[in-house]
Amino acid sequence: MSQTPTFPDLKDCSVFITGGGSGIGAEITRAFVKQGARVAFVQRSDGSAFCDDVARETGNRPLFIKCDITDSTAIRTAIAQATDAHGPVNVLVNNAANDQRHETLDVTDDDWNRLIDVNLKAYFIAAQAVIPGMQAAGGGTIINFTSISYMMGNAGYPLYVTANSGINGMTRALAREFGPDKIRVNALAPGWVMTQKQLDMWVTPEAIEGQLARQCLKETLGPEDITGGVLFLASNASRMMTGQAMVIDGGVVTTG
C-alpha cells in the first residue's frame, strides 16, 4: 500500500519546485505528479532521465528546466517558462539547499555570498516571482524548506544554520504581508533525512546511533517521510495554516 496521501484539490495545480530532481526534492516532485499536478522543477544538473522515470511510472511527465538558483534572472526566467507551460504557479516549494560543511573562522566573503545566495536569497527571489500570479489567481501556497539545524544550534555549517533561521523569519514576514491575498506561506523543517548525498558524505554507524538516540521514534528518516507534510501544506487541508514551521524529524526538537 502506498504511504502517499491523496489530496484531490492538488489535481491540475501548477507546482514549481527548486532542486526537484534529486534527494528529498525528487520525492516531492514524484508525489505531486502522482496527485495529478502540473509540475515544473529546476536544478543545475540534467533532470531529463528522472523525468523519463517519473513519466513511465505515473503517465504524467514533470517539466525540467535547467537553472542555477543563485542566478536571480535565471529563477525568474524559469518561473516564467513554467507559467507559460502550466499556468500561474499555485504552489511554490523552495527546496534546494547546500549544507556543505564549513568552519566559521575559514569563511570568506565569497563563501558567505555563495551559501547565502543558494540557501536564502534564492527562496526570496522565487517567492517574489510567483506572488503576482498568485495574487491575480486569488491565492496560492509557498512552502519554504528549512531545517532543525537552527533550532538545535548545530555547529559545523554556520552559514547554513544562519540561512535556515532567516528562512523562518522570511516565512513569517511573507505570511503576514500576503495573507490578505490568500497566499499562505509556511516552513517545513526536516530532521536528518537519509538521502543519497547524506549516505555518501556524512552517514556513519556512529552518527546514526547518535541520531537515533536523540529521536523519539527510533527509525531513520527517508525522503518519502517528508512528502506527506509537503502535500498537506500545499492543499486546502491546511487552508487556515500560515506563518508556521512544521517539523518532521522523528522527535528530536520540540515546538510550542
Protein backbone atom coordinates (compact mmCIF):
# COMPACT_ATOMS: atom_id res chain seq x y z
CA MET A 1 0.00 0.00 0.00
CA SER A 2 1.31 3.46 -0.89
CA GLN A 3 2.07 5.70 2.05
CA THR A 4 1.48 8.82 -0.02
CA PRO A 5 -1.79 10.53 0.97
CA THR A 6 -4.14 11.83 -1.71
CA PHE A 7 -5.34 15.43 -1.83
CA PRO A 8 -7.86 15.81 -4.66
CA ASP A 9 -7.60 19.61 -4.70
CA LEU A 10 -3.98 19.34 -5.89
CA LYS A 11 -5.02 17.81 -9.22
CA ASP A 12 -4.14 20.16 -12.09
CA CYS A 13 -2.38 22.60 -9.75
CA SER A 14 0.66 24.36 -11.19
CA VAL A 15 3.58 23.44 -8.92
CA PHE A 16 7.13 24.79 -9.08
CA ILE A 17 9.91 23.06 -7.10
CA THR A 18 13.53 24.08 -6.71
CA GLY A 19 16.01 21.18 -6.60
CA GLY A 20 13.22 18.84 -7.62
CA GLY A 21 15.23 16.10 -9.34
CA SER A 22 17.26 14.55 -6.53
CA GLY A 23 17.10 13.73 -2.83
CA ILE A 24 14.03 14.99 -0.98
CA GLY A 25 13.16 17.16 -3.98
CA ALA A 26 12.78 14.15 -6.28
CA GLU A 27 10.29 12.54 -3.89
CA ILE A 28 8.37 15.82 -3.69
CA THR A 29 8.20 16.04 -7.48
CA ARG A 30 7.05 12.44 -7.73
CA ALA A 31 4.42 12.96 -5.01
CA PHE A 32 2.88 16.00 -6.71
CA VAL A 33 2.92 14.26 -10.10
CA LYS A 34 1.01 11.33 -8.54
CA GLN A 35 -1.61 13.83 -7.35
CA GLY A 36 -2.17 14.83 -10.99
CA ALA A 37 -0.48 18.21 -10.57
CA ARG A 38 1.34 20.01 -13.36
CA VAL A 39 4.88 20.07 -12.00
CA ALA A 40 7.93 22.03 -13.08
CA PHE A 41 11.25 21.79 -11.30
CA VAL A 42 14.69 23.34 -11.60
CA GLN A 43 18.21 22.23 -10.77
CA ARG A 44 21.71 22.68 -12.19
CA SER A 45 22.27 19.07 -13.26
CA ASP A 46 20.32 17.38 -16.04
CA GLY A 47 16.97 16.04 -14.83
CA SER A 48 15.80 14.51 -18.11
CA ALA A 49 16.39 10.88 -17.07
CA PHE A 50 14.47 11.46 -13.84
CA CYS A 51 11.57 12.93 -15.85
CA ASP A 52 11.60 9.84 -18.06
CA ASP A 53 11.38 7.59 -15.00
CA VAL A 54 8.51 9.57 -13.47
CA ALA A 55 6.61 9.62 -16.76
CA ARG A 56 6.96 5.83 -17.13
CA GLU A 57 5.84 5.31 -13.55
CA THR A 58 2.88 7.72 -13.49
CA GLY A 59 1.98 8.70 -17.06
CA ASN A 60 2.45 12.34 -16.00
CA ARG A 61 5.73 13.99 -17.03
CA PRO A 62 7.20 16.83 -14.99
CA LEU A 63 8.82 19.76 -16.77
CA PHE A 64 12.56 20.07 -16.11
CA ILE A 65 14.18 23.48 -16.51
CA LYS A 66 17.94 23.71 -16.06
CA CYS A 67 18.70 26.58 -13.72
CA ASP A 68 21.28 27.82 -11.24
CA ILE A 69 19.12 29.25 -8.46
CA THR A 70 21.90 31.60 -7.34
CA ASP A 71 21.20 33.50 -10.60
CA SER A 72 18.13 35.63 -9.85
CA THR A 73 17.40 36.30 -13.51
CA ALA A 74 17.53 32.57 -14.24
CA ILE A 75 15.00 31.84 -11.47
CA ARG A 76 12.61 34.46 -12.79
CA THR A 77 13.00 33.15 -16.34
CA ALA A 78 12.38 29.56 -15.23
CA ILE A 79 9.22 30.55 -13.35
CA ALA A 80 8.01 32.44 -16.41
CA GLN A 81 8.67 29.34 -18.54
CA ALA A 82 6.77 27.13 -16.08
CA THR A 83 3.90 29.62 -16.07
CA ASP A 84 3.72 29.54 -19.85
CA ALA A 85 3.57 25.73 -19.77
CA HIS A 86 1.30 25.12 -16.76
CA GLY A 87 -0.38 28.41 -15.90
CA PRO A 88 0.43 30.69 -12.95
CA VAL A 89 2.19 28.87 -10.11
CA ASN A 90 -0.28 27.78 -7.43
CA VAL A 91 2.30 26.04 -5.22
CA LEU A 92 5.95 27.03 -4.81
CA VAL A 93 8.25 24.62 -2.98
CA ASN A 94 11.59 26.21 -2.14
CA ASN A 95 13.53 23.02 -1.51
CA ALA A 96 17.04 23.40 -2.97
CA ALA A 97 19.80 23.95 -0.43
CA ASN A 98 23.51 23.36 0.18
CA ASP A 99 24.53 22.06 3.61
CA GLN A 100 28.24 21.99 2.79
CA ARG A 101 30.29 21.75 5.97
CA HIS A 102 32.49 24.70 6.87
CA GLU A 103 34.14 26.41 9.83
CA THR A 104 33.33 29.94 10.98
CA LEU A 105 36.92 31.18 11.03
CA ASP A 106 37.52 29.93 7.49
CA VAL A 107 34.53 31.69 5.87
CA THR A 108 35.41 34.27 3.22
CA ASP A 109 33.19 36.92 1.66
CA ASP A 110 32.80 34.67 -1.38
CA ASP A 111 31.73 31.76 0.85
CA TRP A 112 29.15 33.98 2.54
CA ASN A 113 27.71 35.20 -0.74
CA ARG A 114 27.63 31.76 -2.32
CA LEU A 115 25.96 29.93 0.58
CA ILE A 116 23.51 32.69 1.48
CA ASP A 117 22.57 33.05 -2.19
CA VAL A 118 21.61 29.39 -2.52
CA ASN A 119 20.16 28.87 0.95
CA LEU A 120 18.23 32.11 1.48
CA LYS A 121 18.28 34.68 -1.32
CA ALA A 122 17.01 32.19 -3.93
CA TYR A 123 13.98 31.47 -1.75
CA PHE A 124 13.09 35.15 -1.61
CA ILE A 125 13.57 35.67 -5.34
CA ALA A 126 11.39 32.65 -6.21
CA ALA A 127 8.65 33.84 -3.86
CA GLN A 128 8.85 37.35 -5.28
CA ALA A 129 8.48 35.92 -8.79
CA VAL A 130 5.38 33.79 -8.09
CA ILE A 131 3.45 36.14 -5.81
CA PRO A 132 1.97 38.43 -8.52
CA GLY A 133 0.49 35.40 -10.29
CA MET A 134 -0.90 34.10 -7.01
CA GLN A 135 -2.43 37.50 -6.27
CA ALA A 136 -4.11 37.53 -9.67
CA ALA A 137 -5.38 33.98 -9.17
CA GLY A 138 -6.86 34.75 -5.76
CA GLY A 139 -4.36 32.82 -3.65
CA GLY A 140 -1.56 30.31 -3.52
CA THR A 141 0.83 28.45 -1.28
CA ILE A 142 4.56 28.83 -0.64
CA ILE A 143 6.46 26.13 1.24
CA ASN A 144 9.98 27.01 2.35
CA PHE A 145 12.25 24.16 3.37
CA THR A 146 14.24 24.99 6.45
CA SER A 147 15.97 22.65 8.90
CA ILE A 148 16.03 21.74 12.57
CA SER A 149 19.72 22.73 12.48
CA TYR A 150 18.93 26.28 13.59
CA MET A 151 16.66 25.04 16.40
CA MET A 152 19.46 22.82 17.69
CA GLY A 153 22.19 25.42 17.16
CA ASN A 154 24.27 22.88 15.29
CA ALA A 155 27.95 23.55 14.67
CA GLY A 156 29.86 22.65 11.53
CA TYR A 157 27.92 24.72 8.99
CA PRO A 158 27.21 28.17 10.48
CA LEU A 159 26.09 29.83 7.25
CA TYR A 160 23.58 27.05 6.60
CA VAL A 161 22.23 27.43 10.15
CA THR A 162 22.08 31.20 9.71
CA ALA A 163 20.19 30.89 6.43
CA ASN A 164 17.70 28.44 7.90
CA SER A 165 16.92 30.78 10.75
CA GLY A 166 16.45 33.53 8.16
CA ILE A 167 14.07 31.33 6.15
CA ASN A 168 11.77 31.12 9.15
CA GLY A 169 11.79 34.88 9.61
CA MET A 170 11.10 35.40 5.92
CA THR A 171 8.28 32.85 6.06
CA ARG A 172 6.54 34.77 8.83
CA ALA A 173 7.07 38.14 7.14
CA LEU A 174 5.64 36.97 3.81
CA ALA A 175 2.73 35.22 5.51
CA ARG A 176 1.79 38.45 7.25
CA GLU A 177 2.22 40.65 4.18
CA PHE A 178 0.35 38.47 1.70
CA GLY A 179 -2.25 36.82 3.90
CA PRO A 180 -4.86 39.36 2.70
CA ASP A 181 -4.24 37.98 -0.81
CA LYS A 182 -4.99 34.44 0.44
CA ILE A 183 -1.37 33.45 -0.08
CA ARG A 184 -0.21 31.04 2.61
CA VAL A 185 3.48 30.77 3.48
CA ASN A 186 4.79 28.01 5.73
CA ALA A 187 8.14 26.43 6.50
CA LEU A 188 8.93 22.73 6.74
CA ALA A 189 11.88 21.61 8.85
CA PRO A 190 13.08 18.05 8.29
CA GLY A 191 15.47 16.28 10.58
CA TRP A 192 18.34 14.20 9.24
CA VAL A 193 16.95 12.57 6.11
CA MET A 194 18.91 9.70 4.58
CA THR A 195 19.27 10.98 1.03
CA GLN A 196 21.95 9.51 -1.20
CA LYS A 197 24.06 12.64 -0.66
CA GLN A 198 23.94 12.19 3.11
CA LEU A 199 24.75 8.49 2.80
CA ASP A 200 27.70 9.21 0.54
CA MET A 201 29.19 12.07 2.53
CA TRP A 202 28.33 12.01 6.21
CA VAL A 203 26.49 8.91 7.39
CA THR A 204 28.45 6.52 9.61
CA PRO A 205 27.20 3.83 12.02
CA GLU A 206 28.26 6.03 14.93
CA ALA A 207 26.44 9.07 13.53
CA ILE A 208 23.25 7.06 13.01
CA GLU A 209 23.47 5.68 16.54
CA GLY A 210 23.78 9.19 17.95
CA GLN A 211 20.91 10.50 15.83
CA LEU A 212 18.53 7.72 16.83
CA ALA A 213 19.40 8.34 20.48
CA ARG A 214 18.10 11.91 20.04
CA GLN A 215 14.92 10.86 18.21
CA CYS A 216 11.73 9.76 19.96
CA LEU A 217 10.98 7.47 17.00
CA LYS A 218 13.84 5.03 16.59
CA GLU A 219 13.88 4.82 12.80
CA THR A 220 15.86 6.83 10.29
CA LEU A 221 14.00 9.25 8.03
CA GLY A 222 13.85 8.78 4.28
CA PRO A 223 12.79 11.35 1.66
CA GLU A 224 9.39 9.65 1.42
CA ASP A 225 8.74 10.58 5.07
CA ILE A 226 8.73 14.27 4.16
CA THR A 227 6.33 14.30 1.21
CA GLY A 228 3.10 13.90 3.19
CA GLY A 229 3.83 17.08 5.10
CA VAL A 230 4.55 18.98 1.88
CA LEU A 231 1.32 17.82 0.27
CA PHE A 232 -0.63 18.76 3.41
CA LEU A 233 0.84 22.27 3.45
CA ALA A 234 0.10 22.67 -0.27
CA SER A 235 -3.50 21.51 -0.04
CA ASN A 236 -6.71 23.03 1.25
CA ALA A 237 -6.44 20.64 4.20
CA SER A 238 -4.19 23.31 5.75
CA ARG A 239 -6.12 26.30 4.39
CA MET A 240 -6.02 28.26 7.66
CA MET A 241 -2.38 27.47 8.44
CA THR A 242 0.20 30.12 7.60
CA GLY A 243 3.35 31.62 9.06
CA GLN A 244 4.18 28.32 10.75
CA ALA A 245 7.09 25.87 10.83
CA MET A 246 6.21 22.17 10.59
CA VAL A 247 8.87 19.83 11.95
CA ILE A 248 9.32 16.27 10.64
CA ASP A 249 12.34 14.87 12.46
CA GLY A 250 11.33 11.75 14.34
CA GLY A 251 11.02 13.75 17.54
CA VAL A 252 14.37 15.46 18.03
CA VAL A 253 13.25 19.03 18.70
CA THR A 254 10.03 20.22 20.30
CA THR A 255 7.93 23.23 19.35
CA GLY A 256 5.26 25.20 21.14
